[in-house]
Amino acid sequence: MDTMRERFASVVSRLLDDDPRLAVVLAEIGKDGFTDAARAHPDRVINVGIREQLLVGVGGGLALTGMRPILHTFASFLVERPFEQVKLDFGHQGVGGVLVSAAGSYDWPAGGYTHMAPGDVALLDTLDGWTVHVPGHPDEAETLLRDAAAAGDDSVYVRLSAHSNSAPRDIVPGRFLTVREGRRGVVIAVGPMLDGVLTAVAGLDVTVLYATTVRPFDGPALRSAIGEVGDVVLVEPYLAGTSAGAVNDALADRPHRVLGLGIPRRELRRYGTIDEHLAGQGMDPVALRERISAFLR
């Protein structure tokens, strides 16, 4: 199976052939995946080098001309480092584009904390109007990338990950998918956390909703799943509690409790592997089961 990043390069390269409005902007990272596309479309595959603020500025400039820019690098270099440019060159100028990240919260532990961005979605939450997709499988990434590329002038963030579920789901952009139903609460599994969540809640009488689009938040799906009163557990592959406010807004008129599980603010200062980071952050299936069971009790 290919990775989400490999699927991103192949899908977007094909989209460049079909849509003259699209352009790809890179900051060195990921350039090898676009070698053929750069040869075919030298004016629409732009590598600015290791200059992340320029990456976003060039994307914003292309959007001002009517292009649909697709920007790609690691999440820490795409959202955190050039955040002022994201805020001004897209939001303030009133233009849209597609930001496609990699590495996420702990995808490349050997890169150290400079290459980790558990706060990326929370940071984008401070801006208006961003759609945020978090696929859990390369097939889902393709669906969401195609949707983002065709999304007019909207601003879209697609969070790719080396962490992946074993099989794709039949997702619809913008909607939660009901994976199983129960009566004791609702667990929302975001993107690549689904497999771990399903293992963790085996035998528990809970509903599992699968979220690959987290902004806008699918409040109607949650309201339908929870009924008049209930408990909600969020399991997100980024900063813990990032979507707790969205849950509270969706259920403002109903009694409920929310447990936000995700990456804590404390920094793990060892490299390890993805699985070791999951365990160290309390996000592996064993820890999730303990935390979810204790909350529902």
Protein backbone atom coordinates (compact mmCIF):
# COMPACT_ATOMS: atom_id res chain seq x y z
CA MET A 1 0.00 0.00 0.00
CA ASP A 2 1.27 3.46 -0.82
CA THR A 3 1.46 6.16 1.84
CA MET A 4 -0.75 9.24 2.07
CA ARG A 5 2.12 11.43 0.86
CA GLU A 6 2.78 9.16 -2.13
CA ARG A 7 -0.90 9.25 -2.99
CA PHE A 8 -0.88 13.04 -2.63
CA ALA A 9 1.92 13.41 -5.18
CA SER A 10 0.35 11.05 -7.72
CA VAL A 11 -3.17 12.46 -7.39
CA VAL A 12 -2.16 16.11 -7.55
CA SER A 13 0.19 15.44 -10.49
CA ARG A 14 -2.80 14.07 -12.41
CA LEU A 15 -4.98 16.97 -11.34
CA LEU A 16 -2.39 19.40 -12.75
CA ASP A 17 -2.88 17.74 -16.15
CA ASP A 18 -6.64 18.27 -15.98
CA ASP A 19 -7.04 21.69 -14.35
CA PRO A 20 -4.96 24.65 -15.60
CA ARG A 21 -6.05 26.67 -12.55
CA LEU A 22 -4.08 24.45 -10.15
CA ALA A 23 -0.50 25.16 -9.07
CA VAL A 24 1.76 23.34 -6.59
CA VAL A 25 4.14 25.25 -4.32
CA LEU A 26 6.85 23.37 -2.44
CA ALA A 27 9.61 24.27 -0.01
CA GLU A 28 12.10 21.56 -1.03
CA ILE A 29 10.29 18.87 0.99
CA GLY A 30 8.31 16.56 -1.31
CA LYS A 31 9.87 17.81 -4.55
CA ASP A 32 10.90 14.32 -5.71
CA GLY A 33 7.26 13.30 -5.93
CA PHE A 34 6.64 16.06 -8.49
CA THR A 35 9.61 15.55 -10.81
CA ASP A 36 7.48 14.51 -13.79
CA ALA A 37 4.80 17.11 -13.04
CA ALA A 38 7.43 19.86 -12.89
CA ARG A 39 8.75 18.77 -16.27
CA ALA A 40 5.23 18.82 -17.76
CA HIS A 41 4.11 22.03 -16.03
CA PRO A 42 7.22 24.09 -15.17
CA ASP A 43 5.16 27.23 -14.62
CA ARG A 44 2.78 25.53 -12.16
CA VAL A 45 5.14 23.45 -10.00
CA ILE A 46 7.19 25.92 -7.98
CA ASN A 47 9.90 25.02 -5.46
CA VAL A 48 10.91 28.05 -3.39
CA GLY A 49 13.60 26.20 -1.42
CA ILE A 50 13.73 26.07 2.36
CA ARG A 51 11.76 29.29 2.77
CA GLU A 52 8.43 28.47 4.40
CA GLN A 53 7.20 32.07 4.79
CA LEU A 54 7.86 32.55 1.07
CA LEU A 55 6.05 29.27 0.36
CA VAL A 56 2.84 30.69 1.83
CA GLY A 57 3.39 34.15 0.35
CA VAL A 58 3.80 32.75 -3.14
CA GLY A 59 0.66 30.66 -2.64
CA GLY A 60 -1.29 33.72 -1.57
CA GLY A 61 0.00 35.64 -4.57
CA LEU A 62 -1.05 32.90 -6.96
CA ALA A 63 -4.51 32.89 -5.37
CA LEU A 64 -4.79 36.65 -5.98
CA THR A 65 -4.33 35.99 -9.71
CA GLY A 66 -7.19 33.46 -9.72
CA MET A 67 -5.08 30.31 -9.39
CA ARG A 68 -5.87 27.48 -6.96
CA PRO A 69 -2.56 26.94 -5.10
CA ILE A 70 -1.72 23.68 -3.34
CA LEU A 71 1.05 24.14 -0.76
CA HIS A 72 2.97 21.27 0.80
CA THR A 73 5.57 20.69 3.52
CA PHE A 74 5.74 19.34 7.08
CA ALA A 75 2.98 20.63 9.36
CA SER A 76 5.40 22.48 11.63
CA PHE A 77 6.75 24.39 8.60
CA LEU A 78 3.38 24.87 6.89
CA VAL A 79 1.20 26.08 9.78
CA GLU A 80 3.38 27.01 12.76
CA ARG A 81 6.46 28.69 11.26
CA PRO A 82 4.65 30.85 8.63
CA PHE A 83 1.44 31.36 10.60
CA GLU A 84 1.49 35.14 10.10
CA GLN A 85 1.59 34.60 6.34
CA VAL A 86 -1.29 32.10 6.52
CA LYS A 87 -3.29 34.66 8.52
CA LEU A 88 -2.53 37.61 6.24
CA ASP A 89 -1.72 36.28 2.77
CA PHE A 90 -4.80 34.07 2.68
CA GLY A 91 -7.26 35.18 5.36
CA HIS A 92 -6.72 38.96 5.31
CA GLN A 93 -6.50 39.07 1.52
CA GLY A 94 -9.72 37.07 1.23
CA VAL A 95 -8.31 34.32 -0.99
CA GLY A 96 -8.24 30.56 -0.63
CA GLY A 97 -5.88 27.69 -1.21
CA VAL A 98 -5.07 24.16 -0.13
CA LEU A 99 -2.45 23.49 2.56
CA VAL A 100 -1.34 19.85 2.59
CA SER A 101 0.87 18.85 5.50
CA ALA A 102 2.91 15.83 6.50
CA ALA A 103 4.66 14.68 9.69
CA GLY A 104 1.82 15.88 11.96
CA SER A 105 2.18 15.33 15.69
CA TYR A 106 4.86 12.62 15.79
CA ASP A 107 5.08 10.95 12.36
CA TRP A 108 8.85 11.30 12.12
CA PRO A 109 10.07 11.07 15.72
CA ALA A 110 13.73 11.02 14.66
CA GLY A 111 13.25 14.56 13.36
CA GLY A 112 12.72 15.77 16.89
CA TYR A 113 10.32 18.40 18.16
CA THR A 114 11.12 20.79 15.30
CA HIS A 115 9.28 18.36 13.01
CA MET A 116 6.23 17.84 15.23
CA ALA A 117 3.11 20.04 15.24
CA PRO A 118 0.43 18.74 17.62
CA GLY A 119 -1.05 22.26 17.80
CA ASP A 120 -1.61 22.80 14.07
CA VAL A 121 -5.40 22.32 13.98
CA ALA A 122 -5.87 24.36 17.16
CA LEU A 123 -3.82 27.15 15.62
CA LEU A 124 -5.93 27.19 12.45
CA ASP A 125 -8.99 27.35 14.70
CA THR A 126 -7.98 30.94 15.53
CA LEU A 127 -8.69 31.87 11.89
CA ASP A 128 -12.03 32.15 10.14
CA GLY A 129 -13.42 29.79 7.56
CA TRP A 130 -10.86 27.00 7.25
CA THR A 131 -12.00 23.50 6.32
CA VAL A 132 -9.82 20.83 7.96
CA HIS A 133 -9.58 17.26 6.66
CA VAL A 134 -7.80 14.48 8.58
CA PRO A 135 -7.80 11.29 6.45
CA GLY A 136 -7.06 7.95 8.05
CA HIS A 137 -6.05 6.03 4.92
CA PRO A 138 -4.47 6.87 1.52
CA ASP A 139 -7.78 6.18 -0.29
CA GLU A 140 -9.51 8.67 1.99
CA ALA A 141 -6.69 11.14 1.41
CA GLU A 142 -7.33 10.93 -2.32
CA THR A 143 -11.05 11.58 -1.86
CA LEU A 144 -10.40 14.58 0.37
CA LEU A 145 -7.60 15.99 -1.81
CA ARG A 146 -9.80 15.89 -4.89
CA ASP A 147 -12.58 17.58 -2.96
CA ALA A 148 -10.19 20.26 -1.70
CA ALA A 149 -8.74 20.97 -5.14
CA ALA A 150 -12.25 21.49 -6.53
CA ALA A 151 -13.48 23.61 -3.60
CA GLY A 152 -13.70 26.91 -5.48
CA ASP A 153 -11.86 29.58 -3.52
CA ASP A 154 -12.22 28.03 -0.06
CA SER A 155 -9.31 27.64 2.35
CA VAL A 156 -8.65 23.96 3.09
CA TYR A 157 -6.10 22.18 5.28
CA VAL A 158 -5.44 18.48 4.59
CA ARG A 159 -3.46 16.78 7.38
CA LEU A 160 -1.67 13.74 5.96
CA SER A 161 -0.04 11.17 8.22
CA ALA A 162 2.31 8.19 8.12
CA HIS A 163 -0.02 6.73 10.77
CA SER A 164 -2.83 4.96 8.91
CA ASN A 165 -5.82 2.70 9.49
CA SER A 166 -5.67 -0.77 7.96
CA ALA A 167 -8.58 -0.20 5.57
CA PRO A 168 -10.40 2.79 4.07
CA ARG A 169 -13.96 3.75 4.91
CA ASP A 170 -16.67 5.02 2.58
CA ILE A 171 -16.37 8.63 3.71
CA VAL A 172 -18.17 11.76 2.54
CA PRO A 173 -16.24 15.03 2.88
CA GLY A 174 -17.72 17.13 5.67
CA ARG A 175 -19.67 14.30 7.29
CA PHE A 176 -19.05 11.93 10.19
CA LEU A 177 -19.49 8.21 9.49
CA THR A 178 -21.27 5.96 11.99
CA VAL A 179 -19.04 2.89 12.33
CA ARG A 180 -20.94 1.18 15.16
CA GLU A 181 -23.82 2.01 17.50
CA GLY A 182 -24.21 1.76 21.28
CA ARG A 183 -26.13 3.29 24.18
CA ARG A 184 -23.59 4.38 26.81
CA GLY A 185 -21.89 7.22 24.98
CA VAL A 186 -20.31 8.41 21.74
CA VAL A 187 -16.63 8.09 20.85
CA ILE A 188 -15.44 10.30 17.98
CA ALA A 189 -12.34 8.81 16.34
CA VAL A 190 -10.46 11.27 14.14
CA GLY A 191 -8.56 10.06 11.09
CA PRO A 192 -5.81 7.51 11.82
CA MET A 193 -7.07 6.94 15.39
CA LEU A 194 -10.01 4.79 14.21
CA ASP A 195 -8.34 1.37 14.33
CA GLY A 196 -6.99 1.99 17.83
CA VAL A 197 -10.36 3.25 19.03
CA LEU A 198 -12.23 0.22 17.67
CA THR A 199 -9.78 -2.08 19.46
CA ALA A 200 -10.09 -0.04 22.65
CA VAL A 201 -13.90 -0.07 22.78
CA ALA A 202 -14.41 -3.72 21.83
CA GLY A 203 -17.20 -5.04 24.05
CA LEU A 204 -18.20 -1.56 25.28
CA ASP A 205 -21.74 -0.36 24.56
CA VAL A 206 -20.77 2.84 22.73
CA THR A 207 -21.36 4.48 19.38
CA VAL A 208 -18.25 5.21 17.30
CA LEU A 209 -18.33 8.11 14.86
CA TYR A 210 -15.49 8.42 12.37
CA ALA A 211 -14.38 11.96 11.54
CA THR A 212 -12.19 12.72 8.53
CA THR A 213 -13.44 16.31 8.31
CA VAL A 214 -13.22 18.12 11.65
CA ARG A 215 -13.93 21.66 10.45
CA PRO A 216 -16.70 22.40 9.88
CA PHE A 217 -17.63 20.07 12.73
CA ASP A 218 -20.53 17.72 11.93
CA GLY A 219 -22.74 18.74 14.85
CA PRO A 220 -25.94 17.23 13.38
CA ALA A 221 -24.33 13.77 13.25
CA LEU A 222 -23.24 14.05 16.87
CA ARG A 223 -26.67 15.28 18.00
CA SER A 224 -28.34 12.37 16.23
CA ALA A 225 -25.95 9.86 17.80
CA ILE A 226 -26.08 11.11 21.38
CA GLY A 227 -29.80 11.60 21.88
CA GLU A 228 -31.05 13.91 24.64
CA VAL A 229 -28.25 13.32 27.15
CA GLY A 230 -24.91 11.54 27.12
CA ASP A 231 -21.15 11.38 27.22
CA VAL A 232 -18.76 12.20 24.39
CA VAL A 233 -15.14 11.07 24.07
CA LEU A 234 -12.94 12.79 21.47
CA VAL A 235 -9.89 10.86 20.27
CA GLU A 236 -7.80 13.22 18.13
CA PRO A 237 -4.25 12.70 16.75
CA TYR A 238 -3.26 16.23 17.75
CA LEU A 239 -3.58 18.52 20.78
CA ALA A 240 -5.99 17.07 23.34
CA GLY A 241 -9.32 18.87 23.50
CA THR A 242 -8.93 20.70 20.17
CA SER A 243 -12.56 19.94 19.22
CA ALA A 244 -14.07 20.08 22.72
CA GLY A 245 -15.49 23.53 22.05
CA ALA A 246 -17.11 22.30 18.84
CA VAL A 247 -18.74 19.45 20.77
CA ASN A 248 -20.04 21.85 23.41
CA ASP A 249 -21.44 24.17 20.74
CA ALA A 250 -23.19 21.27 18.99
CA LEU A 251 -24.76 20.09 22.26
CA ALA A 252 -25.35 23.46 23.92
CA ASP A 253 -29.01 22.66 24.65
CA ARG A 254 -28.40 19.10 25.94
CA PRO A 255 -26.82 17.79 29.14
CA HIS A 256 -23.50 16.17 28.29
CA ARG A 257 -19.92 15.55 29.38
CA VAL A 258 -16.83 15.68 27.15
CA LEU A 259 -13.50 13.88 27.51
CA GLY A 260 -10.83 15.14 25.11
CA LEU A 261 -8.09 12.62 24.41
CA GLY A 262 -5.15 13.61 22.27
CA ILE A 263 -1.56 14.78 22.48
CA PRO A 264 -0.85 16.50 25.82
CA ARG A 265 1.17 19.70 26.06
CA ARG A 266 4.14 18.02 27.69
CA GLU A 267 6.95 17.19 25.30
CA LEU A 268 8.29 13.66 24.95
CA ARG A 269 12.04 14.18 24.60
CA ARG A 270 12.92 10.80 23.12
CA TYR A 271 12.70 9.80 19.49
CA GLY A 272 11.20 6.31 19.53
CA THR A 273 8.66 5.16 16.93
CA ILE A 274 5.09 6.15 16.11
CA ASP A 275 3.77 3.27 18.22
CA GLU A 276 6.01 4.25 21.12
CA HIS A 277 4.80 7.83 20.90
CA LEU A 278 1.19 6.62 20.92
CA ALA A 279 1.90 4.62 24.07
CA GLY A 280 3.86 7.44 25.66
CA GLN A 281 1.02 9.87 25.05
CA GLY A 282 -1.61 7.48 26.38
CA MET A 283 -3.12 7.01 22.94
CA ASP A 284 -2.51 3.30 22.31
CA PRO A 285 -5.51 0.92 22.53
CA VAL A 286 -4.70 -0.28 26.08
CA ALA A 287 -4.48 3.25 27.49
CA LEU A 288 -7.51 4.42 25.49
CA ARG A 289 -9.64 1.60 26.88
CA GLU A 290 -8.64 2.45 30.45
CA ARG A 291 -9.33 6.16 29.99
CA ILE A 292 -12.62 5.71 28.11
CA SER A 293 -13.92 3.05 30.54
CA ALA A 294 -13.07 5.16 33.58
CA PHE A 295 -14.84 8.17 32.07
CA LEU A 296 -18.00 6.23 31.19
CA ARG A 297 -18.15 4.74 34.69
